N, C-alpha and C. Protein backbone atom coordinates (compact mmCIF):
# COMPACT_ATOMS: atom_id res chain seq x y z
N MET A 1 13.58 80.08 -45.55
CA MET A 1 13.06 79.24 -44.49
C MET A 1 13.95 78.00 -44.37
N LYS A 2 14.32 77.69 -43.15
CA LYS A 2 15.20 76.56 -42.89
C LYS A 2 14.43 75.51 -42.08
N LEU A 3 14.26 74.33 -42.66
CA LEU A 3 13.55 73.23 -42.01
C LEU A 3 14.56 72.23 -41.49
N ARG A 4 14.47 71.92 -40.20
CA ARG A 4 15.35 70.90 -39.61
C ARG A 4 14.69 69.55 -39.81
N ARG A 5 15.26 68.73 -40.68
CA ARG A 5 14.65 67.43 -41.01
C ARG A 5 14.54 66.50 -39.81
N ILE A 6 15.44 66.63 -38.87
CA ILE A 6 15.39 65.77 -37.69
C ILE A 6 14.08 65.97 -36.94
N GLU A 7 13.51 67.15 -37.05
CA GLU A 7 12.26 67.43 -36.34
C GLU A 7 11.07 66.71 -36.97
N ILE A 8 11.17 66.33 -38.24
CA ILE A 8 10.13 65.49 -38.85
C ILE A 8 10.13 64.14 -38.16
N LEU A 9 11.32 63.61 -37.90
CA LEU A 9 11.44 62.35 -37.17
C LEU A 9 10.90 62.50 -35.75
N ARG A 10 11.21 63.62 -35.10
CA ARG A 10 10.71 63.86 -33.74
C ARG A 10 9.18 63.93 -33.75
N ALA A 11 8.61 64.60 -34.73
CA ALA A 11 7.15 64.71 -34.81
C ALA A 11 6.52 63.33 -35.02
N ALA A 12 7.13 62.52 -35.86
CA ALA A 12 6.61 61.16 -36.08
C ALA A 12 6.68 60.35 -34.79
N TRP A 13 7.80 60.45 -34.08
CA TRP A 13 7.96 59.74 -32.81
C TRP A 13 6.92 60.23 -31.80
N GLY A 14 6.72 61.53 -31.74
CA GLY A 14 5.72 62.09 -30.83
C GLY A 14 4.33 61.60 -31.16
N ALA A 15 4.00 61.52 -32.45
CA ALA A 15 2.67 61.04 -32.85
C ALA A 15 2.47 59.58 -32.46
N VAL A 16 3.51 58.77 -32.62
CA VAL A 16 3.41 57.36 -32.22
C VAL A 16 3.20 57.26 -30.71
N LEU A 17 3.95 58.04 -29.94
CA LEU A 17 3.80 58.02 -28.48
C LEU A 17 2.41 58.48 -28.07
N LEU A 18 1.89 59.47 -28.75
CA LEU A 18 0.58 60.03 -28.41
C LEU A 18 -0.57 59.09 -28.78
N PHE A 19 -0.49 58.48 -29.95
CA PHE A 19 -1.62 57.71 -30.45
C PHE A 19 -1.50 56.20 -30.29
N ALA A 20 -0.30 55.69 -30.01
CA ALA A 20 -0.13 54.24 -29.82
C ALA A 20 0.83 53.97 -28.66
N PRO A 21 0.56 54.53 -27.48
CA PRO A 21 1.52 54.40 -26.38
C PRO A 21 1.72 52.95 -25.91
N SER A 22 0.68 52.16 -25.90
CA SER A 22 0.84 50.78 -25.41
C SER A 22 1.74 49.97 -26.34
N ALA A 23 1.68 50.23 -27.64
CA ALA A 23 2.56 49.52 -28.57
C ALA A 23 4.02 49.85 -28.31
N VAL A 24 4.29 51.13 -28.06
CA VAL A 24 5.67 51.56 -27.79
C VAL A 24 6.16 50.97 -26.47
N LEU A 25 5.32 51.06 -25.44
CA LEU A 25 5.73 50.59 -24.12
C LEU A 25 6.01 49.09 -24.12
N SER A 26 5.16 48.32 -24.77
CA SER A 26 5.37 46.87 -24.74
C SER A 26 6.45 46.42 -25.72
N ALA A 27 6.46 46.97 -26.92
CA ALA A 27 7.40 46.51 -27.94
C ALA A 27 8.82 47.04 -27.73
N LEU A 28 8.95 48.33 -27.47
CA LEU A 28 10.28 48.92 -27.38
C LEU A 28 10.86 48.95 -25.98
N HIS A 29 10.02 49.17 -25.01
CA HIS A 29 10.52 49.33 -23.65
C HIS A 29 10.32 48.10 -22.78
N GLY A 30 9.55 47.13 -23.24
CA GLY A 30 9.32 45.93 -22.45
C GLY A 30 8.59 46.20 -21.15
N VAL A 31 7.69 47.18 -21.16
CA VAL A 31 6.99 47.61 -19.96
C VAL A 31 5.52 47.21 -20.06
N GLN A 32 4.98 46.73 -18.95
CA GLN A 32 3.54 46.50 -18.88
C GLN A 32 2.85 47.86 -18.90
N ALA A 33 1.94 48.05 -19.83
CA ALA A 33 1.32 49.36 -20.02
C ALA A 33 0.16 49.56 -19.06
N ASP A 34 0.44 50.09 -17.86
CA ASP A 34 -0.63 50.43 -16.93
C ASP A 34 -1.13 51.84 -17.25
N ARG A 35 -2.19 52.25 -16.57
CA ARG A 35 -2.82 53.55 -16.86
C ARG A 35 -1.84 54.71 -16.69
N LYS A 36 -1.05 54.69 -15.64
CA LYS A 36 -0.09 55.77 -15.38
C LYS A 36 0.94 55.86 -16.52
N ALA A 37 1.45 54.72 -16.94
CA ALA A 37 2.44 54.70 -18.02
C ALA A 37 1.85 55.22 -19.33
N LEU A 38 0.60 54.86 -19.61
CA LEU A 38 -0.05 55.33 -20.83
C LEU A 38 -0.23 56.85 -20.83
N VAL A 39 -0.66 57.38 -19.69
CA VAL A 39 -0.85 58.84 -19.59
C VAL A 39 0.48 59.57 -19.75
N VAL A 40 1.51 59.11 -19.06
CA VAL A 40 2.82 59.76 -19.14
C VAL A 40 3.37 59.67 -20.56
N THR A 41 3.19 58.53 -21.21
CA THR A 41 3.69 58.36 -22.58
C THR A 41 2.96 59.29 -23.55
N ARG A 42 1.66 59.44 -23.37
CA ARG A 42 0.90 60.36 -24.23
C ARG A 42 1.34 61.81 -24.01
N ILE A 43 1.57 62.18 -22.76
CA ILE A 43 2.05 63.54 -22.47
C ILE A 43 3.41 63.76 -23.13
N LEU A 44 4.27 62.77 -23.03
CA LEU A 44 5.59 62.86 -23.67
C LEU A 44 5.45 63.00 -25.18
N GLY A 45 4.53 62.25 -25.77
CA GLY A 45 4.29 62.37 -27.21
C GLY A 45 3.86 63.77 -27.60
N ALA A 46 2.96 64.34 -26.81
CA ALA A 46 2.50 65.71 -27.08
C ALA A 46 3.66 66.69 -26.95
N ARG A 47 4.52 66.48 -25.96
CA ARG A 47 5.69 67.35 -25.77
C ARG A 47 6.61 67.28 -26.99
N HIS A 48 6.82 66.07 -27.51
CA HIS A 48 7.66 65.93 -28.70
C HIS A 48 7.05 66.65 -29.90
N LEU A 49 5.73 66.56 -30.06
CA LEU A 49 5.08 67.25 -31.17
C LEU A 49 5.24 68.76 -31.06
N VAL A 50 5.06 69.29 -29.86
CA VAL A 50 5.23 70.74 -29.65
C VAL A 50 6.68 71.14 -29.91
N GLN A 51 7.61 70.36 -29.39
CA GLN A 51 9.02 70.69 -29.58
C GLN A 51 9.40 70.61 -31.05
N ALA A 52 8.88 69.63 -31.78
CA ALA A 52 9.16 69.53 -33.22
C ALA A 52 8.64 70.75 -33.96
N TRP A 53 7.47 71.22 -33.57
CA TRP A 53 6.87 72.38 -34.22
C TRP A 53 7.68 73.64 -33.90
N VAL A 54 8.05 73.82 -32.64
CA VAL A 54 8.76 75.03 -32.22
C VAL A 54 10.18 75.09 -32.77
N SER A 55 10.87 73.97 -32.80
CA SER A 55 12.27 73.99 -33.22
C SER A 55 12.48 73.45 -34.63
N GLY A 56 11.40 73.20 -35.35
CA GLY A 56 11.53 72.62 -36.68
C GLY A 56 11.81 73.61 -37.79
N ILE A 57 11.28 74.82 -37.68
CA ILE A 57 11.42 75.80 -38.76
C ILE A 57 12.11 77.05 -38.21
N ASN A 58 13.26 77.35 -38.77
CA ASN A 58 14.03 78.55 -38.41
C ASN A 58 14.24 78.75 -36.91
N PRO A 59 14.71 77.74 -36.21
CA PRO A 59 14.91 77.93 -34.76
C PRO A 59 16.15 78.78 -34.48
N SER A 60 16.10 79.49 -33.39
CA SER A 60 17.28 80.24 -32.95
C SER A 60 18.22 79.28 -32.22
N ARG A 61 19.45 79.73 -32.01
CA ARG A 61 20.40 78.92 -31.23
C ARG A 61 19.86 78.66 -29.84
N GLY A 62 19.26 79.69 -29.27
CA GLY A 62 18.70 79.55 -27.93
C GLY A 62 17.60 78.51 -27.88
N MET A 63 16.76 78.47 -28.91
CA MET A 63 15.69 77.48 -28.96
C MET A 63 16.26 76.07 -29.07
N LEU A 64 17.28 75.91 -29.90
CA LEU A 64 17.91 74.59 -30.04
C LEU A 64 18.55 74.16 -28.72
N ALA A 65 19.23 75.09 -28.07
CA ALA A 65 19.87 74.78 -26.79
C ALA A 65 18.82 74.45 -25.73
N ALA A 66 17.73 75.21 -25.69
CA ALA A 66 16.66 74.94 -24.72
C ALA A 66 16.06 73.56 -24.95
N GLY A 67 15.86 73.19 -26.21
CA GLY A 67 15.34 71.86 -26.52
C GLY A 67 16.30 70.77 -26.06
N ALA A 68 17.59 71.00 -26.25
CA ALA A 68 18.58 70.01 -25.81
C ALA A 68 18.57 69.87 -24.29
N VAL A 69 18.39 70.98 -23.58
CA VAL A 69 18.30 70.93 -22.11
C VAL A 69 17.06 70.16 -21.67
N VAL A 70 15.93 70.42 -22.32
CA VAL A 70 14.70 69.68 -21.99
C VAL A 70 14.90 68.19 -22.21
N ASP A 71 15.53 67.82 -23.32
CA ASP A 71 15.78 66.41 -23.60
C ASP A 71 16.75 65.80 -22.59
N ALA A 72 17.77 66.56 -22.18
CA ALA A 72 18.72 66.06 -21.19
C ALA A 72 18.05 65.85 -19.83
N ILE A 73 17.19 66.78 -19.43
CA ILE A 73 16.45 66.62 -18.17
C ILE A 73 15.54 65.41 -18.25
N HIS A 74 14.88 65.25 -19.39
CA HIS A 74 14.02 64.07 -19.60
C HIS A 74 14.84 62.79 -19.45
N SER A 75 16.04 62.77 -20.04
CA SER A 75 16.90 61.60 -19.95
C SER A 75 17.24 61.28 -18.50
N LEU A 76 17.64 62.29 -17.75
CA LEU A 76 18.01 62.08 -16.34
C LEU A 76 16.82 61.59 -15.51
N THR A 77 15.64 62.16 -15.76
CA THR A 77 14.47 61.72 -14.99
C THR A 77 14.05 60.30 -15.37
N ALA A 78 14.23 59.93 -16.63
CA ALA A 78 13.90 58.56 -17.04
C ALA A 78 14.84 57.57 -16.35
N PHE A 79 16.14 57.88 -16.32
CA PHE A 79 17.08 57.01 -15.61
C PHE A 79 16.73 56.95 -14.12
N GLY A 80 16.37 58.10 -13.55
CA GLY A 80 15.98 58.15 -12.14
C GLY A 80 14.76 57.29 -11.85
N LEU A 81 13.78 57.33 -12.75
CA LEU A 81 12.60 56.48 -12.58
C LEU A 81 12.98 55.01 -12.54
N GLY A 82 13.87 54.62 -13.43
CA GLY A 82 14.32 53.23 -13.45
C GLY A 82 15.03 52.82 -12.17
N ILE A 83 15.77 53.74 -11.59
CA ILE A 83 16.48 53.45 -10.34
C ILE A 83 15.51 53.36 -9.18
N LEU A 84 14.54 54.27 -9.14
CA LEU A 84 13.60 54.33 -8.01
C LEU A 84 12.50 53.26 -8.08
N ASP A 85 12.12 52.88 -9.26
CA ASP A 85 11.05 51.89 -9.43
C ASP A 85 11.59 50.75 -10.30
N ARG A 86 12.05 49.70 -9.66
CA ARG A 86 12.70 48.59 -10.37
C ARG A 86 11.80 47.95 -11.42
N ARG A 87 10.48 48.03 -11.23
CA ARG A 87 9.56 47.47 -12.24
C ARG A 87 9.67 48.24 -13.55
N ARG A 88 10.12 49.47 -13.47
CA ARG A 88 10.22 50.31 -14.67
C ARG A 88 11.68 50.53 -15.11
N LEU A 89 12.57 49.69 -14.61
CA LEU A 89 13.99 49.86 -14.92
C LEU A 89 14.27 49.76 -16.42
N GLN A 90 13.79 48.71 -17.07
CA GLN A 90 14.06 48.53 -18.49
C GLN A 90 13.49 49.70 -19.31
N GLY A 91 12.27 50.08 -19.01
CA GLY A 91 11.66 51.21 -19.72
C GLY A 91 12.37 52.52 -19.45
N GLY A 92 12.76 52.74 -18.18
CA GLY A 92 13.47 53.96 -17.83
C GLY A 92 14.81 54.08 -18.53
N VAL A 93 15.53 52.98 -18.59
CA VAL A 93 16.83 52.99 -19.27
C VAL A 93 16.65 53.22 -20.77
N ALA A 94 15.71 52.51 -21.37
CA ALA A 94 15.47 52.68 -22.81
C ALA A 94 15.04 54.11 -23.13
N ASP A 95 14.12 54.65 -22.34
CA ASP A 95 13.64 56.01 -22.57
C ASP A 95 14.75 57.02 -22.31
N GLY A 96 15.56 56.77 -21.29
CA GLY A 96 16.68 57.66 -21.00
C GLY A 96 17.69 57.72 -22.13
N ILE A 97 17.94 56.58 -22.75
CA ILE A 97 18.87 56.53 -23.88
C ILE A 97 18.30 57.30 -25.07
N VAL A 98 17.02 57.07 -25.37
CA VAL A 98 16.39 57.79 -26.49
C VAL A 98 16.43 59.30 -26.24
N ALA A 99 16.10 59.72 -25.03
CA ALA A 99 16.11 61.15 -24.70
C ALA A 99 17.53 61.72 -24.78
N ALA A 100 18.52 60.94 -24.36
CA ALA A 100 19.91 61.40 -24.45
C ALA A 100 20.34 61.58 -25.91
N VAL A 101 19.88 60.70 -26.78
CA VAL A 101 20.18 60.84 -28.21
C VAL A 101 19.55 62.12 -28.76
N TRP A 102 18.29 62.38 -28.40
CA TRP A 102 17.64 63.62 -28.83
C TRP A 102 18.42 64.83 -28.31
N ALA A 103 18.86 64.77 -27.06
CA ALA A 103 19.64 65.88 -26.49
C ALA A 103 20.93 66.08 -27.26
N GLY A 104 21.57 64.98 -27.62
CA GLY A 104 22.80 65.06 -28.41
C GLY A 104 22.59 65.71 -29.77
N PHE A 105 21.51 65.31 -30.45
CA PHE A 105 21.18 65.95 -31.74
C PHE A 105 20.99 67.45 -31.56
N GLY A 106 20.20 67.82 -30.56
CA GLY A 106 19.92 69.23 -30.32
C GLY A 106 21.17 70.02 -29.98
N TRP A 107 22.00 69.46 -29.10
CA TRP A 107 23.23 70.14 -28.71
C TRP A 107 24.17 70.30 -29.90
N HIS A 108 24.30 69.24 -30.69
CA HIS A 108 25.16 69.29 -31.88
C HIS A 108 24.69 70.38 -32.84
N GLN A 109 23.39 70.43 -33.09
CA GLN A 109 22.89 71.43 -34.02
C GLN A 109 22.96 72.84 -33.45
N ALA A 110 22.77 72.99 -32.15
CA ALA A 110 22.92 74.31 -31.54
C ALA A 110 24.36 74.79 -31.67
N ARG A 111 25.32 73.91 -31.46
CA ARG A 111 26.73 74.28 -31.60
C ARG A 111 27.08 74.56 -33.06
N ALA A 112 26.49 73.82 -33.99
CA ALA A 112 26.75 74.06 -35.41
C ALA A 112 26.21 75.43 -35.82
N GLU A 113 25.09 75.83 -35.24
CA GLU A 113 24.52 77.15 -35.53
C GLU A 113 25.46 78.26 -35.07
N ILE A 114 26.20 78.02 -33.99
CA ILE A 114 27.14 79.02 -33.47
C ILE A 114 28.27 79.25 -34.47
N THR A 115 28.72 78.19 -35.13
CA THR A 115 29.87 78.31 -36.02
C THR A 115 29.50 78.79 -37.42
N GLN A 116 28.21 78.76 -37.76
CA GLN A 116 27.79 79.21 -39.08
C GLN A 116 27.37 80.68 -39.01
N PRO A 117 27.88 81.50 -39.91
CA PRO A 117 27.50 82.92 -39.88
C PRO A 117 26.04 83.10 -40.28
N ASP A 118 25.42 84.11 -39.73
CA ASP A 118 24.05 84.44 -40.08
C ASP A 118 24.07 85.26 -41.36
N THR A 119 23.64 84.64 -42.46
CA THR A 119 23.66 85.31 -43.76
C THR A 119 22.30 85.87 -44.14
N SER A 120 21.33 85.75 -43.27
CA SER A 120 19.98 86.22 -43.61
C SER A 120 19.96 87.73 -43.85
N ARG A 121 20.77 88.48 -43.13
CA ARG A 121 20.82 89.93 -43.33
C ARG A 121 21.44 90.27 -44.68
N ASP A 122 22.44 89.47 -45.11
CA ASP A 122 23.09 89.71 -46.39
C ASP A 122 22.11 89.55 -47.55
N ARG A 123 21.23 88.58 -47.45
CA ARG A 123 20.26 88.33 -48.51
C ARG A 123 19.21 89.42 -48.59
N ARG A 124 18.91 90.05 -47.47
CA ARG A 124 17.90 91.10 -47.45
C ARG A 124 18.43 92.42 -47.99
N ALA A 125 19.73 92.61 -47.96
CA ALA A 125 20.32 93.89 -48.35
C ALA A 125 20.32 94.11 -49.84
């Protein structure tokens, strides 16, 4: 069994977003936590928890790549939100950067999986 330690960090981040969204929005993003922002932040936290669970233990290359794509799309939409709604610019940029970092981690690990041979069959033989 192969555990991706980075997903423990993702799960912790997701739990913070889910259970303490106003603290994250005000402290890290400098955003006034209105009802819409709280709901979206909680949904994002739940998404991170699901992604950590799905890609945390023995993920395939495809799963890692799919997670990186989801994070990249999240990053682009966060930047877009900041551009379209100037009141949310600081939060959108901060969230976009965080999502881009997650995408980078996922992409890096997906590419590393490509270069490492699959030895699981050798151990079973």
